[in-house]
C-alpha atoms as a PDB file:
ATOM      1  CA  UNK A   1       6.329  -4.172  29.456  1.00  0.00           C
ATOM      2  CA  UNK A   2       9.636  -5.034  27.794  1.00  0.00           C
ATOM      3  CA  UNK A   3      11.483  -2.011  26.344  1.00  0.00           C
ATOM      4  CA  UNK A   4      11.639  -3.543  22.860  1.00  0.00           C
ATOM      5  CA  UNK A   5       7.839  -3.878  22.840  1.00  0.00           C
ATOM      6  CA  UNK A   6       7.461  -0.197  23.817  1.00  0.00           C
ATOM      7  CA  UNK A   7       9.926   0.843  21.118  1.00  0.00           C
ATOM      8  CA  UNK A   8       8.070  -1.162  18.464  1.00  0.00           C
ATOM      9  CA  UNK A   9       4.726   0.229  19.602  1.00  0.00           C
ATOM     10  CA  UNK A  10       6.061   3.787  19.473  1.00  0.00           C
ATOM     11  CA  UNK A  11       7.474   3.268  15.973  1.00  0.00           C
ATOM     12  CA  UNK A  12       4.270   1.627  14.721  1.00  0.00           C
ATOM     13  CA  UNK A  13       2.160   4.484  16.123  1.00  0.00           C
ATOM     14  CA  UNK A  14       4.472   7.088  14.571  1.00  0.00           C
ATOM     15  CA  UNK A  15       4.420   5.320  11.210  1.00  0.00           C
ATOM     16  CA  UNK A  16       0.656   4.940  11.345  1.00  0.00           C
ATOM     17  CA  UNK A  17       0.395   8.656  12.060  1.00  0.00           C
ATOM     18  CA  UNK A  18       2.379   9.455   8.911  1.00  0.00           C
ATOM     19  CA  UNK A  19       0.114   7.263   6.795  1.00  0.00           C
ATOM     20  CA  UNK A  20      -2.959   8.907   8.323  1.00  0.00           C
ATOM     21  CA  UNK A  21      -1.494  12.344   7.537  1.00  0.00           C
ATOM     22  CA  UNK A  22      -0.833  11.284   3.936  1.00  0.00           C
ATOM     23  CA  UNK A  23      -4.382   9.973   3.493  1.00  0.00           C
ATOM     24  CA  UNK A  24      -5.740  13.127   5.145  1.00  0.00           C
ATOM     25  CA  UNK A  25      -3.973  15.454   2.734  1.00  0.00           C
ATOM     26  CA  UNK A  26      -4.950  13.284  -0.235  1.00  0.00           C
ATOM     27  CA  UNK A  27      -8.605  13.613   0.766  1.00  0.00           C
ATOM     28  CA  UNK A  28      -8.200  17.374   1.169  1.00  0.00           C
ATOM     29  CA  UNK A  29      -7.101  17.926  -2.452  1.00  0.00           C
ATOM     30  CA  UNK A  30      -6.744  20.529  -3.706  1.00  0.00           C
ATOM     31  CA  UNK A  31      -4.928  21.512  -0.546  1.00  0.00           C
ATOM     32  CA  UNK A  32      -4.879  25.231   0.166  1.00  0.00           C
ATOM     33  CA  UNK A  33      -2.651  26.624   2.874  1.00  0.00           C
ATOM     34  CA  UNK A  34      -4.890  29.541   3.742  1.00  0.00           C
ATOM     35  CA  UNK A  35      -6.798  29.836   7.031  1.00  0.00           C
ATOM     36  CA  UNK A  36      -9.997  28.067   5.856  1.00  0.00           C
ATOM     37  CA  UNK A  37      -7.957  25.339   4.117  1.00  0.00           C
ATOM     38  CA  UNK A  38      -5.856  24.633   7.212  1.00  0.00           C
ATOM     39  CA  UNK A  39      -8.944  24.607   9.454  1.00  0.00           C
ATOM     40  CA  UNK A  40     -10.660  22.147   7.104  1.00  0.00           C
ATOM     41  CA  UNK A  41      -7.518  20.014   7.006  1.00  0.00           C
ATOM     42  CA  UNK A  42      -7.250  19.948  10.799  1.00  0.00           C
ATOM     43  CA  UNK A  43     -10.877  18.794  10.968  1.00  0.00           C
ATOM     44  CA  UNK A  44     -10.151  15.723   8.859  1.00  0.00           C
ATOM     45  CA  UNK A  45     -10.645  12.478  10.796  1.00  0.00           C
ATOM     46  CA  UNK A  46      -7.411  11.168   9.265  1.00  0.00           C
ATOM     47  CA  UNK A  47      -5.435  14.187  10.449  1.00  0.00           C
ATOM     48  CA  UNK A  48      -7.018  14.026  13.911  1.00  0.00           C
ATOM     49  CA  UNK A  49      -6.292  10.277  14.132  1.00  0.00           C
ATOM     50  CA  UNK A  50      -2.737  10.895  12.959  1.00  0.00           C
ATOM     51  CA  UNK A  51      -2.240  13.569  15.606  1.00  0.00           C
ATOM     52  CA  UNK A  52      -3.544  11.241  18.311  1.00  0.00           C
ATOM     53  CA  UNK A  53      -1.255   8.406  17.144  1.00  0.00           C
ATOM     54  CA  UNK A  54       1.674  10.824  16.919  1.00  0.00           C
ATOM     55  CA  UNK A  55       1.024  12.110  20.459  1.00  0.00           C
ATOM     56  CA  UNK A  56       0.812   8.545  21.805  1.00  0.00           C
ATOM     57  CA  UNK A  57       4.055   7.675  20.023  1.00  0.00           C
ATOM     58  CA  UNK A  58       5.707  10.759  21.537  1.00  0.00           C
ATOM     59  CA  UNK A  59       4.581   9.886  25.072  1.00  0.00           C
ATOM     60  CA  UNK A  60       5.786   6.311  24.699  1.00  0.00           C
ATOM     61  CA  UNK A  61       9.090   7.610  23.371  1.00  0.00           C
ATOM     62  CA  UNK A  62       9.555   9.717  26.502  1.00  0.00           C
ATOM     63  CA  UNK A  63       8.996   6.586  28.606  1.00  0.00           C
ATOM     64  CA  UNK A  64      11.523   4.727  26.464  1.00  0.00           C
ATOM     65  CA  UNK A  65      14.123   7.481  26.823  1.00  0.00           C
ATOM     66  CA  UNK A  66      13.755   7.323  30.597  1.00  0.00           C
ATOM     67  CA  UNK A  67      14.552   3.612  30.715  1.00  0.00           C
ATOM     68  CA  UNK A  68      16.604   2.538  27.671  1.00  0.00           C
ATOM     69  CA  UNK A  69      20.037   3.676  26.465  1.00  0.00           C
ATOM     70  CA  UNK A  70      19.594   6.108  23.580  1.00  0.00           C
ATOM     71  CA  UNK A  71      22.279   4.320  21.544  1.00  0.00           C
ATOM     72  CA  UNK A  72      20.026   1.237  21.608  1.00  0.00           C
ATOM     73  CA  UNK A  73      16.616   2.871  21.286  1.00  0.00           C
ATOM     74  CA  UNK A  74      17.173   5.474  18.588  1.00  0.00           C
ATOM     75  CA  UNK A  75      18.407   3.143  15.826  1.00  0.00           C
ATOM     76  CA  UNK A  76      15.178   1.184  16.290  1.00  0.00           C
ATOM     77  CA  UNK A  77      13.325   4.237  14.969  1.00  0.00           C
ATOM     78  CA  UNK A  78      14.703   3.148  11.581  1.00  0.00           C
ATOM     79  CA  UNK A  79      12.039   0.451  11.615  1.00  0.00           C
ATOM     80  CA  UNK A  80       9.693   3.305  10.794  1.00  0.00           C
ATOM     81  CA  UNK A  81      11.135   3.238   7.260  1.00  0.00           C
ATOM     82  CA  UNK A  82      10.132  -0.402   6.951  1.00  0.00           C
ATOM     83  CA  UNK A  83       6.628   0.154   8.341  1.00  0.00           C
ATOM     84  CA  UNK A  84       6.056   3.215   6.132  1.00  0.00           C
ATOM     85  CA  UNK A  85       7.254   1.285   3.099  1.00  0.00           C
ATOM     86  CA  UNK A  86       4.880  -1.602   3.824  1.00  0.00           C
ATOM     87  CA  UNK A  87       1.936   0.648   4.752  1.00  0.00           C
ATOM     88  CA  UNK A  88       2.497   2.731   1.603  1.00  0.00           C
ATOM     89  CA  UNK A  89       2.528  -0.362  -0.544  1.00  0.00           C
ATOM     90  CA  UNK A  90      -0.523  -1.903   1.131  1.00  0.00           C
ATOM     91  CA  UNK A  91      -2.764   1.108   1.731  1.00  0.00           C
ATOM     92  CA  UNK A  92      -1.596   3.672  -0.833  1.00  0.00           C
ATOM     93  CA  UNK A  93      -0.769   1.335  -3.721  1.00  0.00           C
ATOM     94  CA  UNK A  94       2.825   2.557  -3.992  1.00  0.00           C
ATOM     95  CA  UNK A  95       5.431   0.501  -5.852  1.00  0.00           C
ATOM     96  CA  UNK A  96       8.103  -1.777  -4.357  1.00  0.00           C
ATOM     97  CA  UNK A  97      11.217  -1.017  -6.449  1.00  0.00           C
ATOM     98  CA  UNK A  98      13.990  -3.565  -5.996  1.00  0.00           C
ATOM     99  CA  UNK A  99      16.543  -0.977  -4.847  1.00  0.00           C
ATOM    100  CA  UNK A 100      14.223   0.221  -2.069  1.00  0.00           C
ATOM    101  CA  UNK A 101      13.636  -3.352  -0.967  1.00  0.00           C
ATOM    102  CA  UNK A 102      17.408  -3.924  -0.905  1.00  0.00           C
ATOM    103  CA  UNK A 103      17.844  -0.774   1.174  1.00  0.00           C
ATOM    104  CA  UNK A 104      15.188  -1.934   3.620  1.00  0.00           C
ATOM    105  CA  UNK A 105      16.926  -5.305   3.941  1.00  0.00           C
ATOM    106  CA  UNK A 106      20.122  -3.453   4.896  1.00  0.00           C
ATOM    107  CA  UNK A 107      18.225  -1.345   7.447  1.00  0.00           C
ATOM    108  CA  UNK A 108      16.627  -4.425   9.005  1.00  0.00           C
ATOM    109  CA  UNK A 109      19.999  -6.180   9.091  1.00  0.00           C
ATOM    110  CA  UNK A 110      21.520  -3.234  10.957  1.00  0.00           C
ATOM    111  CA  UNK A 111      18.626  -3.128  13.399  1.00  0.00           C
ATOM    112  CA  UNK A 112      19.020  -6.871  13.996  1.00  0.00           C
ATOM    113  CA  UNK A 113      22.659  -6.369  15.003  1.00  0.00           C
ATOM    114  CA  UNK A 114      21.772  -3.472  17.283  1.00  0.00           C
ATOM    115  CA  UNK A 115      18.965  -5.466  18.919  1.00  0.00           C
ATOM    116  CA  UNK A 116      21.336  -8.351  19.582  1.00  0.00           C
ATOM    117  CA  UNK A 117      23.900  -6.123  21.315  1.00  0.00           C
END
């Protein structure tokens, strides 16, 4: 598979994991950080799914690091900001303030230049 595809897949899995974690803790409210609360949290299907996605992202990232220059691969992780922003808007109902959108446009522009190099 092309390295860029692996990078995108890793970033999407990592971003999806963060959204799953967020939904998991929202469903666990009120969250208590005592032993029973943590055990209940770790049993959440969202948390378990997030951990699986995070582990898959990590394993893909190791593959990427073995084959792609770090100076190319690591800036692509910034796409996670874009995916999180879009997932948060779509699935969590968060707002899209204009300044955040402008910041994301700058991030995507920078990633475009890196990808073209």
